[in-house]
Amino acid sequence: MSIVANASWCLAIAGIVLGIAALLVFHQPLPALRVMIELFTAAGLLRLSVDLSWAAILGVVALIAVRRVVTRSLTVDLRPAR
């Protein structure tokens, strides 16, 4: 494995650890999920720089789509009612 691929694994692990830590510190799922998804996106983009195949491109596109849907739905759900 190359250094970039190892860095992407480190970012993915850091996403899990920091997501759990953010959940424990803030007691809210939205900041924890945002931290986790942002680091997963960074790991996916790093992985894409190593492996430029259609499967890797579709994986990153799917991750970014899930990121947008989850953050928008959680933001809408957590807004106070008028």
N, C-alpha and C. Protein backbone atom coordinates (compact mmCIF):
# COMPACT_ATOMS: atom_id res chain seq x y z
N MET A 1 0.83 -1.18 0.00
CA MET A 1 0.00 0.00 0.00
C MET A 1 0.88 1.25 0.00
N SER A 2 0.36 2.28 -0.60
CA SER A 2 1.11 3.52 -0.65
C SER A 2 0.83 4.36 0.59
N ILE A 3 1.58 5.42 0.73
CA ILE A 3 1.42 6.32 1.87
C ILE A 3 0.05 6.99 1.84
N VAL A 4 -0.41 7.34 0.65
CA VAL A 4 -1.71 8.02 0.53
C VAL A 4 -2.85 7.07 0.91
N ALA A 5 -2.73 5.80 0.52
CA ALA A 5 -3.77 4.83 0.89
C ALA A 5 -3.78 4.62 2.40
N ASN A 6 -2.61 4.56 3.01
CA ASN A 6 -2.54 4.43 4.47
C ASN A 6 -3.11 5.67 5.16
N ALA A 7 -2.87 6.84 4.58
CA ALA A 7 -3.42 8.08 5.15
C ALA A 7 -4.95 8.08 5.06
N SER A 8 -5.49 7.51 3.98
CA SER A 8 -6.95 7.46 3.87
C SER A 8 -7.54 6.54 4.93
N TRP A 9 -6.87 5.44 5.23
CA TRP A 9 -7.33 4.56 6.31
C TRP A 9 -7.25 5.27 7.65
N CYS A 10 -6.19 6.04 7.85
CA CYS A 10 -6.06 6.80 9.10
C CYS A 10 -7.17 7.84 9.24
N LEU A 11 -7.53 8.48 8.15
CA LEU A 11 -8.63 9.45 8.19
C LEU A 11 -9.96 8.77 8.49
N ALA A 12 -10.17 7.59 7.93
CA ALA A 12 -11.41 6.86 8.20
C ALA A 12 -11.50 6.45 9.67
N ILE A 13 -10.40 5.96 10.21
CA ILE A 13 -10.38 5.60 11.63
C ILE A 13 -10.55 6.83 12.50
N ALA A 14 -9.89 7.94 12.13
CA ALA A 14 -10.04 9.18 12.88
C ALA A 14 -11.48 9.68 12.82
N GLY A 15 -12.16 9.47 11.69
CA GLY A 15 -13.56 9.86 11.57
C GLY A 15 -14.43 9.12 12.57
N ILE A 16 -14.19 7.83 12.71
CA ILE A 16 -14.97 7.04 13.67
C ILE A 16 -14.68 7.48 15.10
N VAL A 17 -13.41 7.62 15.43
CA VAL A 17 -13.01 7.98 16.79
C VAL A 17 -13.50 9.39 17.14
N LEU A 18 -13.28 10.34 16.25
CA LEU A 18 -13.70 11.71 16.54
C LEU A 18 -15.21 11.88 16.51
N GLY A 19 -15.90 11.09 15.68
CA GLY A 19 -17.36 11.12 15.69
C GLY A 19 -17.92 10.65 17.03
N ILE A 20 -17.35 9.56 17.54
CA ILE A 20 -17.79 9.06 18.85
C ILE A 20 -17.42 10.06 19.95
N ALA A 21 -16.23 10.64 19.87
CA ALA A 21 -15.83 11.63 20.87
C ALA A 21 -16.73 12.86 20.83
N ALA A 22 -17.08 13.32 19.63
CA ALA A 22 -17.97 14.47 19.52
C ALA A 22 -19.35 14.15 20.08
N LEU A 23 -19.81 12.93 19.88
CA LEU A 23 -21.11 12.53 20.44
C LEU A 23 -21.06 12.51 21.96
N LEU A 24 -19.96 12.03 22.50
CA LEU A 24 -19.84 11.99 23.96
C LEU A 24 -19.68 13.39 24.56
N VAL A 25 -19.00 14.28 23.87
CA VAL A 25 -18.76 15.62 24.41
C VAL A 25 -19.99 16.52 24.26
N PHE A 26 -20.58 16.54 23.05
CA PHE A 26 -21.67 17.48 22.78
C PHE A 26 -23.06 16.90 23.05
N HIS A 27 -23.18 15.60 23.16
CA HIS A 27 -24.46 14.93 23.39
C HIS A 27 -25.50 15.25 22.32
N GLN A 28 -25.03 15.53 21.11
CA GLN A 28 -25.91 15.80 19.98
C GLN A 28 -25.40 15.01 18.78
N PRO A 29 -26.31 14.39 18.03
CA PRO A 29 -25.85 13.57 16.91
C PRO A 29 -25.37 14.37 15.70
N LEU A 30 -25.88 15.57 15.50
CA LEU A 30 -25.53 16.32 14.30
C LEU A 30 -24.05 16.70 14.23
N PRO A 31 -23.45 17.29 15.27
CA PRO A 31 -22.01 17.59 15.16
C PRO A 31 -21.16 16.33 15.01
N ALA A 32 -21.54 15.27 15.71
CA ALA A 32 -20.78 14.02 15.62
C ALA A 32 -20.86 13.44 14.22
N LEU A 33 -22.04 13.45 13.64
CA LEU A 33 -22.21 12.91 12.30
C LEU A 33 -21.51 13.76 11.26
N ARG A 34 -21.54 15.06 11.44
CA ARG A 34 -20.85 15.95 10.49
C ARG A 34 -19.34 15.72 10.50
N VAL A 35 -18.78 15.59 11.70
CA VAL A 35 -17.34 15.32 11.81
C VAL A 35 -17.00 14.01 11.13
N MET A 36 -17.79 13.00 11.40
CA MET A 36 -17.54 11.67 10.85
C MET A 36 -17.65 11.66 9.33
N ILE A 37 -18.68 12.26 8.80
CA ILE A 37 -18.89 12.25 7.35
C ILE A 37 -17.84 13.10 6.64
N GLU A 38 -17.44 14.21 7.23
CA GLU A 38 -16.40 15.04 6.60
C GLU A 38 -15.07 14.29 6.51
N LEU A 39 -14.72 13.58 7.56
CA LEU A 39 -13.47 12.82 7.51
C LEU A 39 -13.58 11.61 6.57
N PHE A 40 -14.76 11.00 6.49
CA PHE A 40 -14.95 9.92 5.52
C PHE A 40 -14.84 10.45 4.09
N THR A 41 -15.35 11.64 3.86
CA THR A 41 -15.24 12.25 2.53
C THR A 41 -13.77 12.53 2.20
N ALA A 42 -13.04 13.04 3.15
CA ALA A 42 -11.61 13.29 2.92
C ALA A 42 -10.87 11.99 2.65
N ALA A 43 -11.21 10.94 3.38
CA ALA A 43 -10.57 9.64 3.14
C ALA A 43 -10.93 9.11 1.76
N GLY A 44 -12.17 9.29 1.36
CA GLY A 44 -12.59 8.83 0.03
C GLY A 44 -11.89 9.58 -1.09
N LEU A 45 -11.72 10.88 -0.91
CA LEU A 45 -11.03 11.67 -1.93
C LEU A 45 -9.54 11.31 -2.00
N LEU A 46 -8.93 11.05 -0.85
CA LEU A 46 -7.54 10.58 -0.87
C LEU A 46 -7.42 9.24 -1.57
N ARG A 47 -8.35 8.36 -1.28
CA ARG A 47 -8.35 7.03 -1.91
C ARG A 47 -8.56 7.16 -3.41
N LEU A 48 -9.36 8.12 -3.81
CA LEU A 48 -9.61 8.35 -5.23
C LEU A 48 -8.34 8.82 -5.94
N SER A 49 -7.49 9.55 -5.25
CA SER A 49 -6.25 10.01 -5.88
C SER A 49 -5.28 8.85 -6.14
N VAL A 50 -5.43 7.77 -5.40
CA VAL A 50 -4.58 6.59 -5.61
C VAL A 50 -5.18 5.66 -6.65
N ASP A 51 -6.46 5.41 -6.53
CA ASP A 51 -7.14 4.44 -7.39
C ASP A 51 -8.18 5.16 -8.24
N LEU A 52 -7.80 5.53 -9.44
CA LEU A 52 -8.70 6.28 -10.31
C LEU A 52 -9.46 5.29 -11.21
N SER A 53 -10.43 4.61 -10.59
CA SER A 53 -11.27 3.69 -11.35
C SER A 53 -12.72 4.15 -11.21
N TRP A 54 -13.57 3.58 -12.04
CA TRP A 54 -14.98 3.97 -11.98
C TRP A 54 -15.62 3.55 -10.67
N ALA A 55 -15.19 2.45 -10.11
CA ALA A 55 -15.74 2.01 -8.82
C ALA A 55 -15.38 3.00 -7.71
N ALA A 56 -14.15 3.49 -7.73
CA ALA A 56 -13.73 4.47 -6.72
C ALA A 56 -14.47 5.80 -6.91
N ILE A 57 -14.64 6.20 -8.15
CA ILE A 57 -15.37 7.45 -8.43
C ILE A 57 -16.82 7.33 -7.96
N LEU A 58 -17.47 6.21 -8.26
CA LEU A 58 -18.85 6.01 -7.82
C LEU A 58 -18.95 5.94 -6.30
N GLY A 59 -17.95 5.37 -5.65
CA GLY A 59 -17.94 5.32 -4.19
C GLY A 59 -17.89 6.70 -3.58
N VAL A 60 -17.03 7.57 -4.12
CA VAL A 60 -16.93 8.93 -3.60
C VAL A 60 -18.20 9.72 -3.90
N VAL A 61 -18.76 9.54 -5.08
CA VAL A 61 -20.01 10.23 -5.42
C VAL A 61 -21.13 9.79 -4.49
N ALA A 62 -21.21 8.50 -4.19
CA ALA A 62 -22.23 8.00 -3.27
C ALA A 62 -22.03 8.56 -1.87
N LEU A 63 -20.77 8.64 -1.44
CA LEU A 63 -20.49 9.17 -0.11
C LEU A 63 -20.87 10.64 -0.01
N ILE A 64 -20.59 11.41 -1.03
CA ILE A 64 -20.93 12.83 -1.02
C ILE A 64 -22.45 13.01 -1.07
N ALA A 65 -23.14 12.17 -1.83
CA ALA A 65 -24.61 12.24 -1.88
C ALA A 65 -25.21 11.91 -0.52
N VAL A 66 -24.71 10.88 0.13
CA VAL A 66 -25.20 10.52 1.46
C VAL A 66 -24.90 11.64 2.45
N ARG A 67 -23.73 12.25 2.33
CA ARG A 67 -23.36 13.38 3.20
C ARG A 67 -24.35 14.52 3.07
N ARG A 68 -24.69 14.87 1.85
CA ARG A 68 -25.61 15.98 1.63
C ARG A 68 -27.02 15.65 2.15
N VAL A 69 -27.49 14.44 1.89
CA VAL A 69 -28.83 14.06 2.32
C VAL A 69 -28.92 14.01 3.84
N VAL A 70 -27.94 13.40 4.47
CA VAL A 70 -27.97 13.25 5.93
C VAL A 70 -27.87 14.59 6.63
N THR A 71 -26.96 15.44 6.20
CA THR A 71 -26.82 16.73 6.87
C THR A 71 -28.04 17.61 6.65
N ARG A 72 -28.60 17.58 5.47
CA ARG A 72 -29.82 18.39 5.25
C ARG A 72 -31.00 17.87 6.04
N SER A 73 -31.18 16.56 6.08
CA SER A 73 -32.33 16.02 6.81
C SER A 73 -32.17 16.24 8.31
N LEU A 74 -30.96 16.09 8.84
CA LEU A 74 -30.76 16.33 10.26
C LEU A 74 -30.89 17.80 10.61
N THR A 75 -30.45 18.67 9.73
CA THR A 75 -30.58 20.10 9.99
C THR A 75 -32.04 20.50 10.01
N VAL A 76 -32.82 19.97 9.09
CA VAL A 76 -34.26 20.27 9.06
C VAL A 76 -34.95 19.70 10.28
N ASP A 77 -34.59 18.47 10.69
CA ASP A 77 -35.24 17.84 11.83
C ASP A 77 -34.91 18.54 13.15
N LEU A 78 -33.74 19.14 13.25
CA LEU A 78 -33.32 19.74 14.52
C LEU A 78 -33.64 21.21 14.64
N ARG A 79 -34.20 21.82 13.62
CA ARG A 79 -34.60 23.22 13.73
C ARG A 79 -35.81 23.34 14.63
N PRO A 80 -35.88 24.40 15.44
CA PRO A 80 -37.04 24.56 16.32
C PRO A 80 -38.30 24.85 15.51
N ALA A 81 -39.40 24.34 15.99
CA ALA A 81 -40.69 24.56 15.32
C ALA A 81 -41.13 26.00 15.54
N ARG A 82 -41.78 26.57 14.52
CA ARG A 82 -42.26 27.96 14.64
C ARG A 82 -43.60 28.02 15.31
